Amino acid sequence: MPKVLITGVAGFIGSHLADRFLKEGYGVIGIDNFLTGRVDNIKHLRNNPSFVFIENDLGREQAFDFKADIILNFASPASPVDYFKYPIETMRVNAFGALNMLKLARKNNAVFVQASTSEVYGDPEIHPQTEDYVGHVNPIGPRSVYDEAKRFAEALSMSFFREFNTKVRIIRIFNTYGPRMKSNDGRVIPNFITQALSNKPITIYGTGKQTRSYCYVDDLVEGIFRVATLDGIDGEVFNLGNPEEYTILETAEIIKEIIGSNSELKFLPALQDDPKRRCPDITKSKEILGWEPRIPFREGLIKTIEYFKKNG
């Protein structure tokens, strides 16, 4: 049985990845310290004989001796609420966590997939963003604890690829949504859904004309699975996201409509370094991976809203 190691397995995306790889016949080793991940996300896997969980804080250099064919490095706070609350931990896990897993990948001759983010592009000067765009990032701004941490993890990963021929692949994840997001996540969709369900004011930072592109989690997981299992793509970087673009105002109105909410819109001052436009160019992912999102925004929202209704 092939084995995959997933760090951050109790997180939103990590837990969905565990489900997918188990479904495909892999043994899964999951690592998490529950700083931002949740036990509830993986409790359904507790009695699965193909799933092994290890509680560990990857924010320090340490040696691991697991056997794994694929390593998916997803250990990191990923929402503004979390990385603002845990800035040092965010930077440490993206340094030492990536280093620990890269060493293990080299030892096992395993495929290593580094979960990066569209945040490495900062507040972009080109639109849409392509993988060869180097970004427009403020290295000392409040968001830098996440932006620069992920940029460092990318640089470290590529150093292992160039120096040791480690089977590195990097994915830059754009706004993703779906079941298992936290209601206090701080990102647009869980914020708006939570506020709309309780008919509280929907908080919009700035004018609301800034754009985001939303990818449903099942589509993202499909893209990650292809990056992890396709041959001949070591050293490559892939944007994974939905190129369909919505303003923040449009997002709020769609969510209000689906829920039937009476929430008013409440405008607050713009956040520092908040991207004005965020949209991936996925040409490379289409051509090499044969991947593009399939689930329409409204369909994904309905599934996500149902999850929030059931789980509070």
C-alpha atoms as a PDB file:
ATOM      1  CA  MET A   1       0.000   0.000   0.000  1.00  0.00           C
ATOM      2  CA  PRO A   2       1.473   3.394  -0.993  1.00  0.00           C
ATOM      3  CA  LYS A   3       1.737   5.881   1.862  1.00  0.00           C
ATOM      4  CA  VAL A   4       1.186   9.619   2.050  1.00  0.00           C
ATOM      5  CA  LEU A   5       2.170  11.836   4.967  1.00  0.00           C
ATOM      6  CA  ILE A   6      -0.004  14.928   5.469  1.00  0.00           C
ATOM      7  CA  THR A   7       1.091  17.671   7.850  1.00  0.00           C
ATOM      8  CA  GLY A   8      -1.701  19.937   9.056  1.00  0.00           C
ATOM      9  CA  VAL A   9      -4.059  16.997   8.614  1.00  0.00           C
ATOM     10  CA  ALA A  10      -6.658  18.370  11.067  1.00  0.00           C
ATOM     11  CA  GLY A  11      -7.000  21.575   9.090  1.00  0.00           C
ATOM     12  CA  PHE A  12      -9.681  22.488   6.576  1.00  0.00           C
ATOM     13  CA  ILE A  13      -7.793  21.353   3.462  1.00  0.00           C
ATOM     14  CA  GLY A  14      -5.586  18.731   5.152  1.00  0.00           C
ATOM     15  CA  SER A  15      -8.563  16.741   6.406  1.00  0.00           C
ATOM     16  CA  HIS A  16     -10.159  16.675   2.945  1.00  0.00           C
ATOM     17  CA  LEU A  17      -6.848  15.481   1.502  1.00  0.00           C
ATOM     18  CA  ALA A  18      -6.787  12.616   4.022  1.00  0.00           C
ATOM     19  CA  ASP A  19     -10.258  11.572   2.887  1.00  0.00           C
ATOM     20  CA  ARG A  20      -9.262  11.635  -0.776  1.00  0.00           C
ATOM     21  CA  PHE A  21      -6.039   9.660  -0.424  1.00  0.00           C
ATOM     22  CA  LEU A  22      -7.711   7.044   1.780  1.00  0.00           C
ATOM     23  CA  LYS A  23     -10.423   6.692  -0.861  1.00  0.00           C
ATOM     24  CA  GLU A  24      -7.704   6.140  -3.484  1.00  0.00           C
ATOM     25  CA  GLY A  25      -6.213   3.253  -1.475  1.00  0.00           C
ATOM     26  CA  TYR A  26      -3.315   5.024   0.237  1.00  0.00           C
ATOM     27  CA  GLY A  27      -2.224   4.631   3.817  1.00  0.00           C
ATOM     28  CA  VAL A  28      -2.266   8.059   5.461  1.00  0.00           C
ATOM     29  CA  ILE A  29      -0.018   9.332   8.230  1.00  0.00           C
ATOM     30  CA  GLY A  30      -1.378  12.594   9.598  1.00  0.00           C
ATOM     31  CA  ILE A  31       0.490  15.121  11.742  1.00  0.00           C
ATOM     32  CA  ASP A  32      -1.036  18.096  13.553  1.00  0.00           C
ATOM     33  CA  ASN A  33      -0.601  19.989  16.832  1.00  0.00           C
ATOM     34  CA  PHE A  34      -4.164  21.416  16.858  1.00  0.00           C
ATOM     35  CA  LEU A  35      -2.948  24.996  17.063  1.00  0.00           C
ATOM     36  CA  THR A  36      -5.522  25.883  14.409  1.00  0.00           C
ATOM     37  CA  GLY A  37      -6.647  22.441  13.245  1.00  0.00           C
ATOM     38  CA  ARG A  38      -9.616  20.711  14.879  1.00  0.00           C
ATOM     39  CA  VAL A  39     -10.137  17.203  16.233  1.00  0.00           C
ATOM     40  CA  ASP A  40     -13.644  17.202  14.731  1.00  0.00           C
ATOM     41  CA  ASN A  41     -12.170  17.377  11.215  1.00  0.00           C
ATOM     42  CA  ILE A  42     -10.553  13.949  11.550  1.00  0.00           C
ATOM     43  CA  LYS A  43     -12.676  12.185  14.183  1.00  0.00           C
ATOM     44  CA  HIS A  44     -14.422  10.190  11.435  1.00  0.00           C
ATOM     45  CA  LEU A  45     -11.040   8.641  10.582  1.00  0.00           C
ATOM     46  CA  ARG A  46     -10.330   7.441  14.127  1.00  0.00           C
ATOM     47  CA  ASN A  47     -11.188   3.801  13.461  1.00  0.00           C
ATOM     48  CA  ASN A  48      -9.822   3.621   9.925  1.00  0.00           C
ATOM     49  CA  PRO A  49      -6.924   1.099   9.970  1.00  0.00           C
ATOM     50  CA  SER A  50      -5.267   2.907   7.060  1.00  0.00           C
ATOM     51  CA  PHE A  51      -5.029   6.173   9.013  1.00  0.00           C
ATOM     52  CA  VAL A  52      -2.353   6.889  11.625  1.00  0.00           C
ATOM     53  CA  PHE A  53      -2.363  10.152  13.552  1.00  0.00           C
ATOM     54  CA  ILE A  54       0.599  11.715  15.348  1.00  0.00           C
ATOM     55  CA  GLU A  55       0.283  14.859  17.452  1.00  0.00           C
ATOM     56  CA  ASN A  56       3.437  16.900  16.923  1.00  0.00           C
ATOM     57  CA  ASP A  57       4.507  20.536  16.735  1.00  0.00           C
ATOM     58  CA  LEU A  58       6.603  20.944  13.591  1.00  0.00           C
ATOM     59  CA  GLY A  59       7.775  24.411  14.610  1.00  0.00           C
ATOM     60  CA  ARG A  60      11.202  23.150  15.657  1.00  0.00           C
ATOM     61  CA  GLU A  61      13.911  21.247  13.855  1.00  0.00           C
ATOM     62  CA  GLN A  62      13.587  17.523  14.485  1.00  0.00           C
ATOM     63  CA  ALA A  63      14.191  14.220  12.724  1.00  0.00           C
ATOM     64  CA  PHE A  64      11.475  11.878  11.451  1.00  0.00           C
ATOM     65  CA  ASP A  65      11.814   8.277  10.323  1.00  0.00           C
ATOM     66  CA  PHE A  66       8.486   7.566   8.635  1.00  0.00           C
ATOM     67  CA  LYS A  67       8.208   5.697   5.367  1.00  0.00           C
ATOM     68  CA  ALA A  68       6.213   7.720   2.867  1.00  0.00           C
ATOM     69  CA  ASP A  69       5.914   7.863  -0.904  1.00  0.00           C
ATOM     70  CA  ILE A  70       4.305  11.329  -0.906  1.00  0.00           C
ATOM     71  CA  ILE A  71       4.602  14.162   1.616  1.00  0.00           C
ATOM     72  CA  LEU A  72       2.007  16.944   1.574  1.00  0.00           C
ATOM     73  CA  ASN A  73       3.226  19.851   3.698  1.00  0.00           C
ATOM     74  CA  PHE A  74       0.131  21.752   4.829  1.00  0.00           C
ATOM     75  CA  ALA A  75       1.143  22.605   8.403  1.00  0.00           C
ATOM     76  CA  SER A  76       0.548  26.328   8.901  1.00  0.00           C
ATOM     77  CA  PRO A  77      -2.038  28.792  10.134  1.00  0.00           C
ATOM     78  CA  ALA A  78      -3.708  29.989   6.943  1.00  0.00           C
ATOM     79  CA  SER A  79      -6.359  32.557   7.826  1.00  0.00           C
ATOM     80  CA  PRO A  80      -5.669  36.162   8.832  1.00  0.00           C
ATOM     81  CA  VAL A  81      -7.289  35.606  12.236  1.00  0.00           C
ATOM     82  CA  ASP A  82      -4.906  32.713  12.908  1.00  0.00           C
ATOM     83  CA  TYR A  83      -1.649  34.086  11.568  1.00  0.00           C
ATOM     84  CA  PHE A  84      -2.214  37.451  13.231  1.00  0.00           C
ATOM     85  CA  LYS A  85      -2.805  35.582  16.506  1.00  0.00           C
ATOM     86  CA  TYR A  86       0.173  33.254  16.007  1.00  0.00           C
ATOM     87  CA  PRO A  87       2.751  35.215  13.980  1.00  0.00           C
ATOM     88  CA  ILE A  88       5.885  33.544  15.366  1.00  0.00           C
ATOM     89  CA  GLU A  89       4.365  30.075  15.198  1.00  0.00           C
ATOM     90  CA  THR A  90       3.382  30.735  11.561  1.00  0.00           C
ATOM     91  CA  MET A  91       6.914  31.658  10.602  1.00  0.00           C
ATOM     92  CA  ARG A  92       8.477  28.819  12.585  1.00  0.00           C
ATOM     93  CA  VAL A  93       6.333  26.063  11.081  1.00  0.00           C
ATOM     94  CA  ASN A  94       6.949  27.325   7.551  1.00  0.00           C
ATOM     95  CA  ALA A  95      10.682  27.247   8.226  1.00  0.00           C
ATOM     96  CA  PHE A  96      11.335  24.231  10.449  1.00  0.00           C
ATOM     97  CA  GLY A  97       8.263  22.287   9.387  1.00  0.00           C
ATOM     98  CA  ALA A  98       9.212  22.559   5.727  1.00  0.00           C
ATOM     99  CA  LEU A  99      12.845  21.730   6.535  1.00  0.00           C
ATOM    100  CA  ASN A 100      11.871  18.639   8.543  1.00  0.00           C
ATOM    101  CA  MET A 101       9.622  17.340   5.788  1.00  0.00           C
ATOM    102  CA  LEU A 102      12.077  18.131   2.987  1.00  0.00           C
ATOM    103  CA  LYS A 103      14.747  16.131   4.801  1.00  0.00           C
ATOM    104  CA  LEU A 104      12.310  13.249   5.144  1.00  0.00           C
ATOM    105  CA  ALA A 105      11.335  13.491   1.474  1.00  0.00           C
ATOM    106  CA  ARG A 106      14.991  13.369   0.477  1.00  0.00           C
ATOM    107  CA  LYS A 107      15.579  10.345   2.728  1.00  0.00           C
ATOM    108  CA  ASN A 108      12.575   8.487   1.272  1.00  0.00           C
ATOM    109  CA  ASN A 109      13.006   9.721  -2.302  1.00  0.00           C
ATOM    110  CA  ALA A 110       9.402  10.820  -1.871  1.00  0.00           C
ATOM    111  CA  VAL A 111       7.356  13.367  -3.789  1.00  0.00           C
ATOM    112  CA  PHE A 112       7.164  16.575  -1.743  1.00  0.00           C
ATOM    113  CA  VAL A 113       4.260  18.968  -2.263  1.00  0.00           C
ATOM    114  CA  GLN A 114       4.633  22.352  -0.581  1.00  0.00           C
ATOM    115  CA  ALA A 115       1.351  24.110   0.102  1.00  0.00           C
ATOM    116  CA  SER A 116       1.967  27.741  -0.748  1.00  0.00           C
ATOM    117  CA  THR A 117      -0.510  30.518  -1.344  1.00  0.00           C
ATOM    118  CA  SER A 118      -1.622  33.281  -3.660  1.00  0.00           C
ATOM    119  CA  GLU A 119      -0.456  35.580  -0.847  1.00  0.00           C
ATOM    120  CA  VAL A 120       3.094  35.212  -2.197  1.00  0.00           C
ATOM    121  CA  TYR A 121       1.953  37.563  -4.978  1.00  0.00           C
ATOM    122  CA  GLY A 122       1.028  40.210  -2.383  1.00  0.00           C
ATOM    123  CA  ASP A 123      -1.082  43.065  -3.747  1.00  0.00           C
ATOM    124  CA  PRO A 124      -0.372  42.130  -7.377  1.00  0.00           C
ATOM    125  CA  GLU A 125       0.568  44.572 -10.110  1.00  0.00           C
ATOM    126  CA  ILE A 126      -0.401  42.153 -12.897  1.00  0.00           C
ATOM    127  CA  HIS A 127      -3.760  40.491 -13.512  1.00  0.00           C
ATOM    128  CA  PRO A 128      -4.454  37.621 -13.552  1.00  0.00           C
ATOM    129  CA  GLN A 129      -1.437  36.238 -11.701  1.00  0.00           C
ATOM    130  CA  THR A 130       0.813  33.749 -13.479  1.00  0.00           C
ATOM    131  CA  GLU A 131       3.322  31.434 -11.820  1.00  0.00           C
ATOM    132  CA  ASP A 132       6.274  33.434 -13.146  1.00  0.00           C
ATOM    133  CA  TYR A 133       5.101  36.662 -11.480  1.00  0.00           C
ATOM    134  CA  VAL A 134       7.470  37.406  -8.568  1.00  0.00           C
ATOM    135  CA  GLY A 135       4.980  39.403  -6.521  1.00  0.00           C
ATOM    136  CA  HIS A 136       4.476  42.768  -4.858  1.00  0.00           C
ATOM    137  CA  VAL A 137       4.847  42.036  -1.141  1.00  0.00           C
ATOM    138  CA  ASN A 138       5.470  44.273   1.855  1.00  0.00           C
ATOM    139  CA  PRO A 139       8.119  42.336   3.847  1.00  0.00           C
ATOM    140  CA  ILE A 140       7.469  44.224   7.099  1.00  0.00           C
ATOM    141  CA  GLY A 141       3.689  44.726   6.957  1.00  0.00           C
ATOM    142  CA  PRO A 142       1.277  42.869   9.257  1.00  0.00           C
ATOM    143  CA  ARG A 143       0.518  40.233   6.600  1.00  0.00           C
ATOM    144  CA  SER A 144       4.216  39.519   6.066  1.00  0.00           C
ATOM    145  CA  VAL A 145       4.247  36.857   8.791  1.00  0.00           C
ATOM    146  CA  TYR A 146       2.296  34.656   6.382  1.00  0.00           C
ATOM    147  CA  ASP A 147       3.363  36.048   2.983  1.00  0.00           C
ATOM    148  CA  GLU A 148       7.080  35.877   3.717  1.00  0.00           C
ATOM    149  CA  ALA A 149       6.815  32.592   5.592  1.00  0.00           C
ATOM    150  CA  LYS A 150       5.338  30.962   2.493  1.00  0.00           C
ATOM    151  CA  ARG A 151       7.859  32.654   0.207  1.00  0.00           C
ATOM    152  CA  PHE A 152      10.631  31.261   2.414  1.00  0.00           C
ATOM    153  CA  ALA A 153       9.115  27.764   2.314  1.00  0.00           C
ATOM    154  CA  GLU A 154       9.030  27.971  -1.484  1.00  0.00           C
ATOM    155  CA  ALA A 155      12.681  29.073  -1.618  1.00  0.00           C
ATOM    156  CA  LEU A 156      13.719  26.293   0.765  1.00  0.00           C
ATOM    157  CA  SER A 157      11.816  23.712  -1.280  1.00  0.00           C
ATOM    158  CA  MET A 158      13.472  24.809  -4.509  1.00  0.00           C
ATOM    159  CA  SER A 159      16.876  24.727  -2.810  1.00  0.00           C
ATOM    160  CA  PHE A 160      16.322  21.039  -2.014  1.00  0.00           C
ATOM    161  CA  PHE A 161      15.205  20.458  -5.595  1.00  0.00           C
ATOM    162  CA  ARG A 162      18.321  22.092  -7.061  1.00  0.00           C
ATOM    163  CA  GLU A 163      20.795  20.772  -4.500  1.00  0.00           C
ATOM    164  CA  PHE A 164      19.545  17.219  -3.931  1.00  0.00           C
ATOM    165  CA  ASN A 165      17.082  16.571  -6.805  1.00  0.00           C
ATOM    166  CA  THR A 166      14.300  16.203  -4.249  1.00  0.00           C
ATOM    167  CA  LYS A 167      10.947  15.632  -5.960  1.00  0.00           C
ATOM    168  CA  VAL A 168       9.545  19.036  -5.089  1.00  0.00           C
ATOM    169  CA  ARG A 169       6.253  20.443  -6.415  1.00  0.00           C
ATOM    170  CA  ILE A 170       4.798  23.764  -5.223  1.00  0.00           C
ATOM    171  CA  ILE A 171       1.116  24.681  -5.293  1.00  0.00           C
ATOM    172  CA  ARG A 172      -0.131  28.240  -4.844  1.00  0.00           C
ATOM    173  CA  ILE A 173      -3.621  27.983  -3.418  1.00  0.00           C
ATOM    174  CA  PHE A 174      -6.109  30.757  -4.140  1.00  0.00           C
ATOM    175  CA  ASN A 175      -9.227  31.430  -2.049  1.00  0.00           C
ATOM    176  CA  THR A 176     -10.785  28.063  -1.230  1.00  0.00           C
ATOM    177  CA  TYR A 177     -14.030  27.396   0.610  1.00  0.00           C
ATOM    178  CA  GLY A 178     -16.203  24.502   1.709  1.00  0.00           C
ATOM    179  CA  PRO A 179     -17.235  22.329   4.663  1.00  0.00           C
ATOM    180  CA  ARG A 180     -14.901  22.218   7.691  1.00  0.00           C
ATOM    181  CA  MET A 181     -13.946  25.873   7.510  1.00  0.00           C
ATOM    182  CA  LYS A 182     -14.153  27.508  10.931  1.00  0.00           C
ATOM    183  CA  SER A 183     -16.936  30.024  11.490  1.00  0.00           C
ATOM    184  CA  ASN A 184     -14.380  32.422  13.031  1.00  0.00           C
ATOM    185  CA  ASP A 185     -11.910  31.798  10.213  1.00  0.00           C
ATOM    186  CA  GLY A 186     -11.677  35.480   9.329  1.00  0.00           C
ATOM    187  CA  ARG A 187     -11.866  34.879   5.584  1.00  0.00           C
ATOM    188  CA  VAL A 188     -14.575  36.281   3.358  1.00  0.00           C
ATOM    189  CA  ILE A 189     -16.929  33.343   2.853  1.00  0.00           C
ATOM    190  CA  PRO A 190     -17.131  31.965   6.426  1.00  0.00           C
ATOM    191  CA  ASN A 191     -17.418  35.519   7.754  1.00  0.00           C
ATOM    192  CA  PHE A 192     -20.266  36.401   5.415  1.00  0.00           C
ATOM    193  CA  ILE A 193     -22.113  33.099   5.898  1.00  0.00           C
ATOM    194  CA  THR A 194     -21.903  33.316   9.689  1.00  0.00           C
ATOM    195  CA  GLN A 195     -23.093  36.919   9.716  1.00  0.00           C
ATOM    196  CA  ALA A 196     -25.861  36.326   7.188  1.00  0.00           C
ATOM    197  CA  LEU A 197     -27.209  33.250   8.995  1.00  0.00           C
ATOM    198  CA  SER A 198     -27.649  35.295  12.170  1.00  0.00           C
ATOM    199  CA  ASN A 199     -28.898  38.405  10.290  1.00  0.00           C
ATOM    200  CA  LYS A 200     -26.004  40.414  11.704  1.00  0.00           C
ATOM    201  CA  PRO A 201     -24.339  43.174   9.644  1.00  0.00           C
ATOM    202  CA  ILE A 202     -21.985  41.820   6.976  1.00  0.00           C
ATOM    203  CA  THR A 203     -18.634  43.516   7.496  1.00  0.00           C
ATOM    204  CA  ILE A 204     -16.860  44.729   4.360  1.00  0.00           C
ATOM    205  CA  TYR A 205     -13.392  46.229   4.579  1.00  0.00           C
ATOM    206  CA  GLY A 206     -12.824  49.100   2.180  1.00  0.00           C
ATOM    207  CA  THR A 207     -15.150  49.743  -0.753  1.00  0.00           C
ATOM    208  CA  GLY A 208     -15.989  46.100  -1.450  1.00  0.00           C
ATOM    209  CA  LYS A 209     -14.873  46.536  -5.058  1.00  0.00           C
ATOM    210  CA  GLN A 210     -11.767  44.440  -4.479  1.00  0.00           C
ATOM    211  CA  THR A 211     -12.056  41.005  -6.089  1.00  0.00           C
ATOM    212  CA  ARG A 212     -11.531  37.400  -5.062  1.00  0.00           C
ATOM    213  CA  SER A 213     -11.726  34.096  -6.925  1.00  0.00           C
ATOM    214  CA  TYR A 214     -13.297  31.200  -5.024  1.00  0.00           C
ATOM    215  CA  CYS A 215     -12.513  27.513  -5.526  1.00  0.00           C
ATOM    216  CA  TYR A 216     -14.611  24.801  -3.884  1.00  0.00           C
ATOM    217  CA  VAL A 217     -12.514  22.447  -1.756  1.00  0.00           C
ATOM    218  CA  ASP A 218     -13.315  19.289  -3.763  1.00  0.00           C
ATOM    219  CA  ASP A 219     -11.945  20.928  -6.915  1.00  0.00           C
ATOM    220  CA  LEU A 220      -8.808  22.004  -5.065  1.00  0.00           C
ATOM    221  CA  VAL A 221      -8.235  18.524  -3.672  1.00  0.00           C
ATOM    222  CA  GLU A 222      -8.467  17.090  -7.189  1.00  0.00           C
ATOM    223  CA  GLY A 223      -5.778  19.499  -8.348  1.00  0.00           C
ATOM    224  CA  ILE A 224      -3.518  18.656  -5.405  1.00  0.00           C
ATOM    225  CA  PHE A 225      -3.990  14.925  -6.017  1.00  0.00           C
ATOM    226  CA  ARG A 226      -2.843  15.364  -9.614  1.00  0.00           C
ATOM    227  CA  VAL A 227       0.198  17.422  -8.581  1.00  0.00           C
ATOM    228  CA  ALA A 228       1.157  14.743  -6.059  1.00  0.00           C
ATOM    229  CA  THR A 229       0.748  11.739  -8.370  1.00  0.00           C
ATOM    230  CA  LEU A 230       1.768  12.942 -11.841  1.00  0.00           C
ATOM    231  CA  ASP A 231       5.253  12.028 -13.084  1.00  0.00           C
ATOM    232  CA  GLY A 232       7.728  14.449 -14.632  1.00  0.00           C
ATOM    233  CA  ILE A 233       6.741  17.689 -12.889  1.00  0.00           C
ATOM    234  CA  ASP A 234       9.446  18.024 -10.240  1.00  0.00           C
ATOM    235  CA  GLY A 235      10.494  21.624  -9.655  1.00  0.00           C
ATOM    236  CA  GLU A 236       7.236  23.014 -11.051  1.00  0.00           C
ATOM    237  CA  VAL A 237       4.895  25.587  -9.500  1.00  0.00           C
ATOM    238  CA  PHE A 238       1.138  25.488 -10.103  1.00  0.00           C
ATOM    239  CA  ASN A 239      -1.622  27.981  -9.411  1.00  0.00           C
ATOM    240  CA  LEU A 240      -4.669  26.138  -8.071  1.00  0.00           C
ATOM    241  CA  GLY A 241      -7.790  28.252  -7.911  1.00  0.00           C
ATOM    242  CA  ASN A 242     -10.872  29.336  -9.780  1.00  0.00           C
ATOM    243  CA  PRO A 243     -10.345  32.103 -12.365  1.00  0.00           C
ATOM    244  CA  GLU A 244     -13.971  33.244 -12.041  1.00  0.00           C
ATOM    245  CA  GLU A 245     -13.751  36.625 -10.313  1.00  0.00           C
ATOM    246  CA  TYR A 246     -16.227  38.260  -7.916  1.00  0.00           C
ATOM    247  CA  THR A 247     -16.116  41.539  -6.035  1.00  0.00           C
ATOM    248  CA  ILE A 248     -16.521  41.386  -2.275  1.00  0.00           C
ATOM    249  CA  LEU A 249     -19.847  43.194  -2.677  1.00  0.00           C
ATOM    250  CA  GLU A 250     -21.075  40.611  -5.188  1.00  0.00           C
ATOM    251  CA  THR A 251     -20.003  37.840  -2.834  1.00  0.00           C
ATOM    252  CA  ALA A 252     -22.002  39.345   0.030  1.00  0.00           C
ATOM    253  CA  GLU A 253     -25.120  39.777  -2.095  1.00  0.00           C
ATOM    254  CA  ILE A 254     -24.991  36.195  -3.433  1.00  0.00           C
ATOM    255  CA  ILE A 255     -24.636  34.761   0.074  1.00  0.00           C
ATOM    256  CA  LYS A 256     -27.480  36.955   1.357  1.00  0.00           C
ATOM    257  CA  GLU A 257     -29.696  35.809  -1.515  1.00  0.00           C
ATOM    258  CA  ILE A 258     -29.039  32.092  -0.997  1.00  0.00           C
ATOM    259  CA  ILE A 259     -29.643  32.310   2.757  1.00  0.00           C
ATOM    260  CA  GLY A 260     -32.538  34.765   2.499  1.00  0.00           C
ATOM    261  CA  SER A 261     -30.808  37.003   5.006  1.00  0.00           C
ATOM    262  CA  ASN A 262     -31.805  40.506   6.071  1.00  0.00           C
ATOM    263  CA  SER A 263     -28.250  41.461   6.988  1.00  0.00           C
ATOM    264  CA  GLU A 264     -27.167  44.991   6.211  1.00  0.00           C
ATOM    265  CA  LEU A 265     -23.750  45.765   4.790  1.00  0.00           C
ATOM    266  CA  LYS A 266     -21.365  47.444   7.212  1.00  0.00           C
ATOM    267  CA  PHE A 267     -18.327  49.151   5.699  1.00  0.00           C
ATOM    268  CA  LEU A 268     -15.110  49.326   7.713  1.00  0.00           C
ATOM    269  CA  PRO A 269     -11.689  50.858   6.906  1.00  0.00           C
ATOM    270  CA  ALA A 270      -9.609  48.945   4.354  1.00  0.00           C
ATOM    271  CA  LEU A 271      -7.030  46.515   5.710  1.00  0.00           C
ATOM    272  CA  GLN A 272      -3.343  47.260   5.172  1.00  0.00           C
ATOM    273  CA  ASP A 273      -1.835  45.527   2.116  1.00  0.00           C
ATOM    274  CA  ASP A 274      -5.185  43.923   1.248  1.00  0.00           C
ATOM    275  CA  PRO A 275      -5.003  42.804  -2.411  1.00  0.00           C
ATOM    276  CA  LYS A 276      -7.222  44.807  -4.759  1.00  0.00           C
ATOM    277  CA  ARG A 277      -7.564  42.012  -7.305  1.00  0.00           C
ATOM    278  CA  ARG A 278      -6.962  38.339  -6.781  1.00  0.00           C
ATOM    279  CA  CYS A 279      -7.373  35.936  -9.682  1.00  0.00           C
ATOM    280  CA  PRO A 280      -5.237  33.005 -10.851  1.00  0.00           C
ATOM    281  CA  ASP A 281      -4.080  32.304 -14.351  1.00  0.00           C
ATOM    282  CA  ILE A 282      -4.488  28.501 -14.456  1.00  0.00           C
ATOM    283  CA  THR A 283      -3.288  27.951 -18.021  1.00  0.00           C
ATOM    284  CA  LYS A 284      -0.328  25.897 -16.781  1.00  0.00           C
ATOM    285  CA  SER A 285      -2.535  23.704 -14.566  1.00  0.00           C
ATOM    286  CA  LYS A 286      -4.915  23.113 -17.476  1.00  0.00           C
ATOM    287  CA  GLU A 287      -2.130  22.182 -19.903  1.00  0.00           C
ATOM    288  CA  ILE A 288       0.053  20.030 -17.630  1.00  0.00           C
ATOM    289  CA  LEU A 289      -2.372  18.658 -15.037  1.00  0.00           C
ATOM    290  CA  GLY A 290      -5.501  18.593 -17.185  1.00  0.00           C
ATOM    291  CA  TRP A 291      -7.184  20.334 -14.273  1.00  0.00           C
ATOM    292  CA  GLU A 292      -9.673  23.131 -13.864  1.00  0.00           C
ATOM    293  CA  PRO A 293     -12.466  23.768 -11.349  1.00  0.00           C
ATOM    294  CA  ARG A 294     -15.816  22.125 -12.118  1.00  0.00           C
ATOM    295  CA  ILE A 295     -18.130  23.096  -9.261  1.00  0.00           C
ATOM    296  CA  PRO A 296     -20.107  26.343  -9.809  1.00  0.00           C
ATOM    297  CA  PHE A 297     -19.809  29.003  -7.115  1.00  0.00           C
ATOM    298  CA  ARG A 298     -23.466  28.891  -6.072  1.00  0.00           C
ATOM    299  CA  GLU A 299     -23.477  25.087  -5.856  1.00  0.00           C
ATOM    300  CA  GLY A 300     -20.408  25.143  -3.628  1.00  0.00           C
ATOM    301  CA  LEU A 301     -21.909  27.896  -1.492  1.00  0.00           C
ATOM    302  CA  ILE A 302     -25.093  25.910  -0.911  1.00  0.00           C
ATOM    303  CA  LYS A 303     -23.045  22.925   0.340  1.00  0.00           C
ATOM    304  CA  THR A 304     -20.940  25.188   2.540  1.00  0.00           C
ATOM    305  CA  ILE A 305     -23.958  26.997   3.992  1.00  0.00           C
ATOM    306  CA  GLU A 306     -25.600  23.657   4.834  1.00  0.00           C
ATOM    307  CA  TYR A 307     -22.432  22.667   6.725  1.00  0.00           C
ATOM    308  CA  PHE A 308     -22.487  25.909   8.713  1.00  0.00           C
ATOM    309  CA  LYS A 309     -26.180  25.470   9.512  1.00  0.00           C
ATOM    310  CA  LYS A 310     -25.536  21.990  10.909  1.00  0.00           C
ATOM    311  CA  ASN A 311     -22.327  22.783  12.736  1.00  0.00           C
ATOM    312  CA  GLY A 312     -22.940  26.290  14.064  1.00  0.00           C
END
